[in-house]
Amino acid sequence: MPPLQNHVVTGSASGIGRFDPDAAMARGLAGLSALADLIPASGYVHGDRPTAIDAGIYGFIANIHFCNTMRHCRAIHAAIWRRGGK
């Protein structure tokens, strides 16, 4: 097996790392704000029952306290426990 080598990445940075911290924070907050606008005041993204999109949102934002997203996380958490989740 050949030895592991250090690989040098050349070119411009990609992803959130290419932004300075303040710009990265602003982009993150803008994204959370847009997501909060998609989540209804009651129920779930596509109606009265949670779907995969709700589970995906929960997975990404469960530890973030921001606007309407926390109501959504509490609703998903409660729905999982009602179904016998652990």
C-alpha atoms as a PDB file:
ATOM      1  CA  MET A   1       0.000   0.000   0.000  1.00  0.00           C
ATOM      2  CA  PRO A   2       1.452   3.409  -0.907  1.00  0.00           C
ATOM      3  CA  PRO A   3       2.102   5.820   1.951  1.00  0.00           C
ATOM      4  CA  LEU A   4      -0.438   8.535   2.678  1.00  0.00           C
ATOM      5  CA  GLN A   5       0.519  11.846   1.157  1.00  0.00           C
ATOM      6  CA  ASN A   6      -0.422  15.365   2.050  1.00  0.00           C
ATOM      7  CA  HIS A   7      -2.556  16.844  -0.672  1.00  0.00           C
ATOM      8  CA  VAL A   8      -2.394  20.567  -1.253  1.00  0.00           C
ATOM      9  CA  VAL A   9      -5.605  22.167  -2.422  1.00  0.00           C
ATOM     10  CA  THR A  10      -5.021  24.867  -4.954  1.00  0.00           C
ATOM     11  CA  GLY A  11      -7.371  27.404  -6.425  1.00  0.00           C
ATOM     12  CA  SER A  12     -10.131  29.309  -4.711  1.00  0.00           C
ATOM     13  CA  ALA A  13     -11.879  28.139  -1.576  1.00  0.00           C
ATOM     14  CA  SER A  14     -15.368  26.752  -1.809  1.00  0.00           C
ATOM     15  CA  GLY A  15     -18.280  26.506   0.577  1.00  0.00           C
ATOM     16  CA  ILE A  16     -18.834  28.730   3.569  1.00  0.00           C
ATOM     17  CA  GLY A  17     -15.081  28.818   4.270  1.00  0.00           C
ATOM     18  CA  ARG A  18     -14.542  31.312   1.487  1.00  0.00           C
ATOM     19  CA  PHE A  19     -16.375  34.022   3.443  1.00  0.00           C
ATOM     20  CA  ASP A  20     -15.108  36.079   6.334  1.00  0.00           C
ATOM     21  CA  PRO A  21     -16.856  35.254   9.642  1.00  0.00           C
ATOM     22  CA  ASP A  22     -19.321  38.162   9.517  1.00  0.00           C
ATOM     23  CA  ALA A  23     -20.366  37.352   5.948  1.00  0.00           C
ATOM     24  CA  ALA A  24     -20.699  33.660   6.813  1.00  0.00           C
ATOM     25  CA  MET A  25     -22.926  34.531   9.778  1.00  0.00           C
ATOM     26  CA  ALA A  26     -25.062  36.834   7.618  1.00  0.00           C
ATOM     27  CA  ARG A  27     -25.512  34.083   5.016  1.00  0.00           C
ATOM     28  CA  GLY A  28     -26.440  31.578   7.714  1.00  0.00           C
ATOM     29  CA  LEU A  29     -29.003  33.910   9.268  1.00  0.00           C
ATOM     30  CA  ALA A  30     -30.479  34.689   5.851  1.00  0.00           C
ATOM     31  CA  GLY A  31     -30.836  30.981   5.177  1.00  0.00           C
ATOM     32  CA  LEU A  32     -32.518  30.368   8.529  1.00  0.00           C
ATOM     33  CA  SER A  33     -34.860  33.285   7.919  1.00  0.00           C
ATOM     34  CA  ALA A  34     -35.855  31.875   4.524  1.00  0.00           C
ATOM     35  CA  LEU A  35     -36.424  28.458   6.095  1.00  0.00           C
ATOM     36  CA  ALA A  36     -38.524  29.971   8.889  1.00  0.00           C
ATOM     37  CA  ASP A  37     -40.716  31.614   6.226  1.00  0.00           C
ATOM     38  CA  LEU A  38     -41.430  28.178   4.699  1.00  0.00           C
ATOM     39  CA  ILE A  39     -42.534  26.617   7.985  1.00  0.00           C
ATOM     40  CA  PRO A  40     -46.193  27.334   8.798  1.00  0.00           C
ATOM     41  CA  ALA A  41     -47.275  28.676  12.184  1.00  0.00           C
ATOM     42  CA  SER A  42     -48.969  25.338  12.897  1.00  0.00           C
ATOM     43  CA  GLY A  43     -48.689  21.905  11.394  1.00  0.00           C
ATOM     44  CA  TYR A  44     -45.842  20.931   9.118  1.00  0.00           C
ATOM     45  CA  VAL A  45     -44.396  22.030   5.796  1.00  0.00           C
ATOM     46  CA  HIS A  46     -46.876  19.964   3.749  1.00  0.00           C
ATOM     47  CA  GLY A  47     -49.884  19.842   6.048  1.00  0.00           C
ATOM     48  CA  ASP A  48     -51.030  18.245   9.278  1.00  0.00           C
ATOM     49  CA  ARG A  49     -48.593  15.321   9.265  1.00  0.00           C
ATOM     50  CA  PRO A  50     -44.796  15.436   9.270  1.00  0.00           C
ATOM     51  CA  THR A  51     -43.030  14.279   6.107  1.00  0.00           C
ATOM     52  CA  ALA A  52     -39.418  13.572   5.197  1.00  0.00           C
ATOM     53  CA  ILE A  53     -38.837  17.276   4.566  1.00  0.00           C
ATOM     54  CA  ASP A  54     -39.853  18.038   8.160  1.00  0.00           C
ATOM     55  CA  ALA A  55     -37.482  15.358   9.435  1.00  0.00           C
ATOM     56  CA  GLY A  56     -34.689  16.814   7.315  1.00  0.00           C
ATOM     57  CA  ILE A  57     -35.311  20.314   8.626  1.00  0.00           C
ATOM     58  CA  TYR A  58     -35.358  18.984  12.178  1.00  0.00           C
ATOM     59  CA  GLY A  59     -32.077  17.171  11.640  1.00  0.00           C
ATOM     60  CA  PHE A  60     -30.336  20.354  10.591  1.00  0.00           C
ATOM     61  CA  ILE A  61     -31.847  22.880  12.993  1.00  0.00           C
ATOM     62  CA  ALA A  62     -32.692  20.975  16.172  1.00  0.00           C
ATOM     63  CA  ASN A  63     -29.968  22.814  18.091  1.00  0.00           C
ATOM     64  CA  ILE A  64     -30.610  26.262  16.639  1.00  0.00           C
ATOM     65  CA  HIS A  65     -33.061  28.625  18.341  1.00  0.00           C
ATOM     66  CA  PHE A  66     -34.385  30.876  15.598  1.00  0.00           C
ATOM     67  CA  CYS A  67     -37.905  32.211  15.021  1.00  0.00           C
ATOM     68  CA  ASN A  68     -40.483  29.703  13.836  1.00  0.00           C
ATOM     69  CA  THR A  69     -37.948  26.908  13.442  1.00  0.00           C
ATOM     70  CA  MET A  70     -38.104  26.006  17.148  1.00  0.00           C
ATOM     71  CA  ARG A  71     -41.882  25.532  17.029  1.00  0.00           C
ATOM     72  CA  HIS A  72     -41.319  23.185  14.110  1.00  0.00           C
ATOM     73  CA  CYS A  73     -38.629  21.224  16.006  1.00  0.00           C
ATOM     74  CA  ARG A  74     -40.896  20.815  19.031  1.00  0.00           C
ATOM     75  CA  ALA A  75     -43.723  19.557  16.791  1.00  0.00           C
ATOM     76  CA  ILE A  76     -41.464  17.007  15.050  1.00  0.00           C
ATOM     77  CA  HIS A  77     -40.037  15.863  18.378  1.00  0.00           C
ATOM     78  CA  ALA A  78     -43.544  15.396  19.790  1.00  0.00           C
ATOM     79  CA  ALA A  79     -44.694  13.515  16.666  1.00  0.00           C
ATOM     80  CA  ILE A  80     -41.779  11.102  16.938  1.00  0.00           C
ATOM     81  CA  TRP A  81     -42.465  10.395  20.601  1.00  0.00           C
ATOM     82  CA  ARG A  82     -46.195   9.860  19.890  1.00  0.00           C
ATOM     83  CA  ARG A  83     -45.193   7.163  17.402  1.00  0.00           C
ATOM     84  CA  GLY A  84     -43.006   5.412  19.963  1.00  0.00           C
ATOM     85  CA  GLY A  85     -39.654   6.835  18.841  1.00  0.00           C
ATOM     86  CA  LYS A  86     -36.740   6.940  21.200  1.00  0.00           C
END
